[in-house]
Amino acid sequence: MVDPSSADNFAVSVVIPTYNRIKQLPIALNSVLSQTRSVTEILVVDDGSTDNTVENLSPKYKTVTFLRQKNEGVSSARNAGIKAAKSPWIALLDSDDQWMPDKIEKQIHCLSEDNEINACHTGEKWIRNGKEVPTARFLNKAPEGLFERSLERCIICPSSVILHRSIFEKIGFFDTELPICEDYDFWLRLLLNYQIGLIDEPLVVKTGGHLDQLSTSTWGLDRFHVQSLEQIYLSEELNSRQEEMVLKTIARKADLLAKGFIKHGKEGEARKYNDMRRLALENLGLLTSVPAS
């Protein structure tokens, strides 16, 4: 836990992975630079952009550290920034999102008030295709039961989170084997081990509708959810209640995937997910009461 008595304990590094977001990245950077509580450093990790992001923006943002790597995906870029960061606290920001001016100030206050929490997230406002859209009812961010609700869908937004670097030492980094849903996987691992504070205010503005967003172009997000859930189940970190919840979620998602693959004429993939469903039900002791698809 963190001793709130020293201001140095709340130095913050901001990590922003980016790929071909030369138009959106300045908005994100300006929102960091406009915070009512200054951060210690800002690291932009360019994931092999082809739009000359670094060449065009680094002269304009001299206080920002720009790191480059070959194109390896958002998880690799985010991990590289976290490892390079010097501060005890890491704040994540996607390059097409932005913060409200008092986000960091309010989160540091939250963390300093409760030294039992090592992470804090906030609410968010969504902008899609230039228009604000209502926040979905199912994105209930309340701490009570958050792990269970997060099994179904990703509830925590990376751009809303500030967390202590010791968390990465315990649970590891973002999974580079997942092309998408890497945040779904990471937040589940975090919630298994830590409490996370909540400021239930829209302190992040999230945008959507870009053509380059993987989550809008990759079919069957549940494929990656199931992959992550299998790894978590095999980690042997779950208590009996959590194990039951994970197995039920695997069975439900695998069933939906199997039906989807059958509809698309992909019988081999359908068999794979039907087998996964049956195995989950066997482990639950429910196979005899639930017919196979």
Protein backbone atom coordinates (compact mmCIF):
# COMPACT_ATOMS: atom_id res chain seq x y z
CA MET A 1 0.00 0.00 0.00
CA VAL A 2 1.01 3.61 -0.47
CA ASP A 3 2.00 6.06 2.25
CA PRO A 4 0.11 9.26 1.40
CA SER A 5 2.36 11.40 3.57
CA SER A 6 4.83 12.19 0.79
CA ALA A 7 3.88 14.20 -2.29
CA ASP A 8 6.57 12.34 -4.25
CA ASN A 9 4.51 9.18 -3.82
CA PHE A 10 1.95 10.65 -6.19
CA ALA A 11 4.20 11.51 -9.11
CA VAL A 12 2.39 10.42 -12.28
CA SER A 13 3.66 9.22 -15.64
CA VAL A 14 1.19 9.27 -18.53
CA VAL A 15 1.51 6.53 -21.15
CA ILE A 16 -0.09 7.06 -24.57
CA PRO A 17 0.29 4.35 -27.25
CA THR A 18 -0.46 5.54 -30.77
CA TYR A 19 -0.60 4.33 -34.34
CA ASN A 20 -1.36 6.69 -37.24
CA ARG A 21 -3.31 9.11 -35.06
CA ILE A 22 -1.54 12.32 -36.04
CA LYS A 23 -4.85 14.22 -36.05
CA GLN A 24 -6.23 12.86 -32.78
CA LEU A 25 -3.03 12.70 -30.70
CA PRO A 26 -2.67 16.50 -30.19
CA ILE A 27 -6.14 16.58 -28.61
CA ALA A 28 -5.09 13.87 -26.15
CA LEU A 29 -1.78 15.59 -25.39
CA ASN A 30 -3.37 19.00 -24.88
CA SER A 31 -5.84 17.49 -22.41
CA VAL A 32 -2.90 16.15 -20.37
CA LEU A 33 -1.01 19.42 -20.51
CA SER A 34 -4.15 21.26 -19.35
CA GLN A 35 -4.58 19.27 -16.14
CA THR A 36 -5.11 21.24 -12.95
CA ARG A 37 -2.56 18.92 -11.32
CA SER A 38 0.59 18.56 -13.38
CA VAL A 39 1.98 15.15 -14.25
CA THR A 40 5.66 14.24 -13.99
CA GLU A 41 6.15 12.95 -17.51
CA ILE A 42 4.25 12.15 -20.69
CA LEU A 43 5.39 9.22 -22.82
CA VAL A 44 4.00 8.66 -26.32
CA VAL A 45 4.87 5.25 -27.75
CA ASP A 46 4.62 5.29 -31.54
CA ASP A 47 3.76 1.78 -32.71
CA GLY A 48 5.35 2.00 -36.16
CA SER A 49 3.13 4.78 -37.52
CA THR A 50 3.36 5.59 -41.22
CA ASP A 51 1.91 9.11 -40.94
CA ASN A 52 5.09 10.74 -39.58
CA THR A 53 3.55 11.21 -36.13
CA VAL A 54 6.86 11.72 -34.33
CA GLU A 55 8.46 13.92 -36.99
CA ASN A 56 5.46 16.26 -37.06
CA LEU A 57 4.53 16.41 -33.38
CA SER A 58 7.77 16.11 -31.41
CA PRO A 59 8.93 19.67 -32.33
CA LYS A 60 5.59 21.04 -31.09
CA TYR A 61 5.57 19.07 -27.83
CA LYS A 62 9.08 19.45 -26.45
CA THR A 63 8.12 18.33 -22.92
CA VAL A 64 6.75 15.03 -24.22
CA THR A 65 8.97 11.96 -24.59
CA PHE A 66 8.35 10.17 -27.88
CA LEU A 67 9.39 6.52 -28.09
CA ARG A 68 9.34 4.48 -31.28
CA GLN A 69 8.98 0.80 -31.99
CA LYS A 70 8.09 -1.37 -34.95
CA ASN A 71 4.40 -2.12 -35.36
CA GLU A 72 3.62 -4.74 -32.70
CA GLY A 73 0.17 -3.70 -31.51
CA VAL A 74 -1.33 -1.54 -28.79
CA SER A 75 -0.46 -3.92 -25.94
CA SER A 76 3.22 -3.97 -26.85
CA ALA A 77 3.28 -0.18 -27.17
CA ARG A 78 1.44 0.35 -23.89
CA ASN A 79 3.74 -2.10 -22.10
CA ALA A 80 6.82 -0.36 -23.49
CA GLY A 81 5.62 2.96 -22.12
CA ILE A 82 4.83 1.49 -18.70
CA LYS A 83 8.30 -0.08 -18.49
CA ALA A 84 9.96 3.20 -19.50
CA ALA A 85 7.95 5.31 -17.04
CA LYS A 86 9.84 6.69 -14.03
CA SER A 87 6.96 7.55 -11.68
CA PRO A 88 5.29 5.30 -9.10
CA TRP A 89 1.87 6.01 -10.62
CA ILE A 90 0.92 5.26 -14.22
CA ALA A 91 -2.01 6.94 -15.96
CA LEU A 92 -3.12 5.39 -19.25
CA LEU A 93 -4.58 7.34 -22.15
CA ASP A 94 -5.55 6.17 -25.62
CA SER A 95 -4.45 8.53 -28.34
CA ASP A 96 -7.99 9.20 -29.59
CA ASP A 97 -9.40 10.01 -26.13
CA GLN A 98 -9.03 13.06 -23.90
CA TRP A 99 -9.27 13.96 -20.21
CA MET A 100 -11.33 16.55 -18.44
CA PRO A 101 -9.02 19.16 -16.82
CA ASP A 102 -9.42 17.95 -13.23
CA LYS A 103 -9.15 14.19 -13.84
CA ILE A 104 -5.69 13.63 -12.35
CA GLU A 105 -6.32 15.99 -9.44
CA LYS A 106 -9.48 14.13 -8.44
CA GLN A 107 -7.87 10.72 -8.82
CA ILE A 108 -4.85 11.65 -6.69
CA HIS A 109 -7.23 12.96 -4.03
CA CYS A 110 -9.13 9.66 -4.13
CA LEU A 111 -5.93 7.65 -3.77
CA SER A 112 -4.57 9.84 -0.98
CA GLU A 113 -7.81 9.43 0.98
CA ASP A 114 -7.67 5.63 0.93
CA ASN A 115 -4.27 3.96 1.06
CA GLU A 116 -5.93 0.54 0.71
CA ILE A 117 -6.45 1.05 -3.02
CA ASN A 118 -3.70 0.99 -5.64
CA ALA A 119 -5.83 1.91 -8.64
CA CYS A 120 -8.63 4.30 -9.50
CA HIS A 121 -10.87 4.73 -12.54
CA THR A 122 -13.60 7.16 -13.56
CA GLY A 123 -16.73 7.44 -15.61
CA GLU A 124 -16.58 8.52 -19.23
CA LYS A 125 -18.50 10.38 -21.88
CA TRP A 126 -18.80 8.79 -25.34
CA ILE A 127 -18.60 10.63 -28.64
CA ARG A 128 -19.34 8.57 -31.75
CA ASN A 129 -19.11 10.03 -35.24
CA GLY A 130 -19.06 13.49 -33.70
CA LYS A 131 -22.17 13.05 -31.54
CA GLU A 132 -22.51 12.32 -27.84
CA VAL A 133 -24.20 8.99 -27.15
CA PRO A 134 -25.75 7.85 -23.85
CA THR A 135 -23.57 5.68 -21.63
CA ALA A 136 -24.95 2.15 -21.73
CA ARG A 137 -26.85 1.00 -18.64
CA PHE A 138 -24.81 -2.20 -18.44
CA LEU A 139 -21.58 -0.25 -17.83
CA ASN A 140 -22.13 -0.29 -14.07
CA LYS A 141 -18.75 0.64 -12.60
CA ALA A 142 -19.65 0.30 -8.91
CA PRO A 143 -16.93 -1.59 -6.99
CA GLU A 144 -19.31 -4.17 -5.52
CA GLY A 145 -19.55 -7.13 -7.92
CA LEU A 146 -17.30 -5.50 -10.52
CA PHE A 147 -15.36 -8.70 -11.26
CA GLU A 148 -18.54 -10.63 -12.02
CA ARG A 149 -19.94 -7.88 -14.28
CA SER A 150 -16.58 -7.56 -16.05
CA LEU A 151 -16.73 -11.22 -17.12
CA GLU A 152 -19.47 -10.38 -19.59
CA ARG A 153 -17.91 -7.27 -21.13
CA CYS A 154 -15.11 -4.79 -20.60
CA ILE A 155 -16.36 -2.18 -18.13
CA ILE A 156 -13.14 -0.39 -17.18
CA CYS A 157 -11.85 2.09 -19.76
CA PRO A 158 -8.03 2.24 -20.06
CA SER A 159 -8.06 6.03 -20.48
CA SER A 160 -9.84 6.39 -17.14
CA VAL A 161 -7.32 4.46 -15.07
CA ILE A 162 -4.41 5.47 -12.86
CA LEU A 163 -2.60 2.63 -11.10
CA HIS A 164 0.50 1.96 -9.06
CA ARG A 165 3.41 0.38 -10.90
CA SER A 166 3.64 -2.41 -8.28
CA ILE A 167 0.46 -3.87 -9.83
CA PHE A 168 2.39 -4.80 -12.97
CA GLU A 169 5.03 -6.52 -10.88
CA LYS A 170 2.35 -8.76 -9.38
CA ILE A 171 -0.05 -9.50 -12.26
CA GLY A 172 2.08 -8.80 -15.32
CA PHE A 173 1.44 -6.52 -18.27
CA PHE A 174 -1.09 -6.35 -21.10
CA ASP A 175 -1.19 -9.60 -23.10
CA THR A 176 0.52 -9.03 -26.45
CA GLU A 177 -1.00 -12.26 -27.83
CA LEU A 178 -4.45 -10.67 -27.85
CA PRO A 179 -4.96 -8.39 -30.89
CA ILE A 180 -8.02 -6.86 -29.18
CA CYS A 181 -9.71 -7.23 -25.77
CA GLU A 182 -6.31 -6.97 -24.10
CA ASP A 183 -7.87 -4.55 -21.61
CA TYR A 184 -10.68 -7.03 -20.81
CA ASP A 185 -8.02 -9.58 -19.88
CA PHE A 186 -5.89 -7.16 -17.85
CA TRP A 187 -8.77 -5.73 -15.80
CA LEU A 188 -9.98 -9.20 -14.85
CA ARG A 189 -6.51 -10.08 -13.58
CA LEU A 190 -6.36 -6.78 -11.70
CA LEU A 191 -9.78 -7.27 -10.10
CA LEU A 192 -8.78 -10.72 -8.87
CA ASN A 193 -5.99 -9.16 -6.82
CA TYR A 194 -6.87 -5.54 -6.03
CA GLN A 195 -9.62 -3.15 -5.07
CA ILE A 196 -10.08 -0.32 -7.53
CA GLY A 197 -11.43 3.08 -6.54
CA LEU A 198 -14.11 4.84 -8.55
CA ILE A 199 -14.82 8.48 -9.25
CA ASP A 200 -18.28 8.23 -10.75
CA GLU A 201 -17.97 11.30 -12.95
CA PRO A 202 -17.34 11.52 -16.72
CA LEU A 203 -13.71 12.63 -16.52
CA VAL A 204 -12.75 10.99 -19.84
CA VAL A 205 -14.10 11.76 -23.29
CA LYS A 206 -13.98 8.66 -25.48
CA THR A 207 -14.38 8.83 -29.21
CA GLY A 208 -15.48 6.08 -31.57
CA GLY A 209 -16.31 5.41 -35.17
CA HIS A 210 -12.77 5.66 -36.59
CA LEU A 211 -12.12 3.29 -39.49
CA ASP A 212 -8.88 2.11 -37.86
CA GLN A 213 -10.44 0.94 -34.61
CA LEU A 214 -9.84 -2.78 -34.22
CA SER A 215 -12.88 -3.26 -32.00
CA THR A 216 -15.14 -2.13 -34.86
CA SER A 217 -13.46 -4.24 -37.54
CA THR A 218 -12.78 -7.59 -35.85
CA TRP A 219 -15.60 -10.13 -35.82
CA GLY A 220 -16.50 -12.11 -32.74
CA LEU A 221 -15.00 -10.28 -29.76
CA ASP A 222 -16.09 -13.21 -27.60
CA ARG A 223 -13.37 -15.35 -29.20
CA PHE A 224 -10.80 -13.27 -27.35
CA HIS A 225 -12.92 -13.09 -24.20
CA VAL A 226 -13.02 -16.89 -24.08
CA GLN A 227 -9.27 -17.12 -24.71
CA SER A 228 -8.64 -14.79 -21.79
CA LEU A 229 -11.12 -16.58 -19.51
CA GLU A 230 -9.49 -19.93 -20.18
CA GLN A 231 -6.11 -18.53 -19.15
CA ILE A 232 -7.59 -17.02 -15.98
CA TYR A 233 -9.31 -20.31 -15.11
CA LEU A 234 -6.06 -22.25 -15.56
CA SER A 235 -4.12 -19.73 -13.43
CA GLU A 236 -5.50 -21.35 -10.26
CA GLU A 237 -5.97 -17.90 -8.68
CA LEU A 238 -9.76 -18.18 -8.42
CA ASN A 239 -11.77 -18.98 -5.34
CA SER A 240 -14.66 -21.42 -5.75
CA ARG A 241 -17.24 -18.69 -6.41
CA GLN A 242 -15.05 -16.97 -9.01
CA GLU A 243 -14.28 -20.32 -10.66
CA GLU A 244 -17.99 -21.03 -11.02
CA MET A 245 -18.63 -17.59 -12.54
CA VAL A 246 -15.76 -17.95 -15.02
CA LEU A 247 -16.83 -21.44 -16.14
CA LYS A 248 -20.45 -20.33 -16.63
CA THR A 249 -19.27 -17.37 -18.70
CA ILE A 250 -17.02 -19.59 -20.83
CA ALA A 251 -19.90 -22.02 -21.44
CA ARG A 252 -22.30 -19.22 -22.41
CA LYS A 253 -19.87 -17.39 -24.70
CA ALA A 254 -18.61 -20.61 -26.31
CA ASP A 255 -22.22 -21.63 -27.03
CA LEU A 256 -22.90 -18.30 -28.76
CA LEU A 257 -19.70 -18.60 -30.78
CA ALA A 258 -20.49 -22.16 -31.85
CA LYS A 259 -23.93 -21.08 -33.07
CA GLY A 260 -22.37 -18.13 -34.92
CA PHE A 261 -19.82 -20.33 -36.68
CA ILE A 262 -22.54 -22.81 -37.68
CA LYS A 263 -24.51 -19.92 -39.17
CA HIS A 264 -21.43 -18.92 -41.18
CA GLY A 265 -20.83 -22.47 -42.38
CA LYS A 266 -17.64 -22.99 -40.34
CA GLU A 267 -18.33 -26.37 -38.78
CA GLY A 268 -14.73 -26.97 -37.63
CA GLU A 269 -14.72 -23.79 -35.57
CA ALA A 270 -18.20 -24.60 -34.27
CA ARG A 271 -17.00 -28.00 -33.02
CA LYS A 272 -14.07 -26.32 -31.25
CA TYR A 273 -16.36 -24.04 -29.27
CA ASN A 274 -18.93 -26.77 -28.60
CA ASP A 275 -16.11 -28.85 -27.11
CA MET A 276 -15.05 -25.87 -25.02
CA ARG A 277 -18.62 -25.42 -23.79
CA ARG A 278 -18.95 -29.08 -22.86
CA LEU A 279 -15.65 -29.04 -20.97
CA ALA A 280 -16.75 -25.99 -18.98
CA LEU A 281 -20.06 -27.68 -18.13
CA GLU A 282 -18.25 -30.85 -17.11
CA ASN A 283 -16.09 -28.86 -14.73
CA LEU A 284 -19.25 -27.31 -13.32
CA GLY A 285 -20.91 -30.71 -13.00
CA LEU A 286 -23.77 -29.49 -15.20
CA LEU A 287 -23.24 -31.45 -18.40
CA THR A 288 -26.05 -33.94 -17.76
CA SER A 289 -28.57 -31.17 -17.16
CA VAL A 290 -27.69 -28.99 -20.16
CA PRO A 291 -27.94 -30.54 -23.65
CA ALA A 292 -25.02 -30.13 -26.05
CA SER A 293 -25.59 -27.81 -28.99
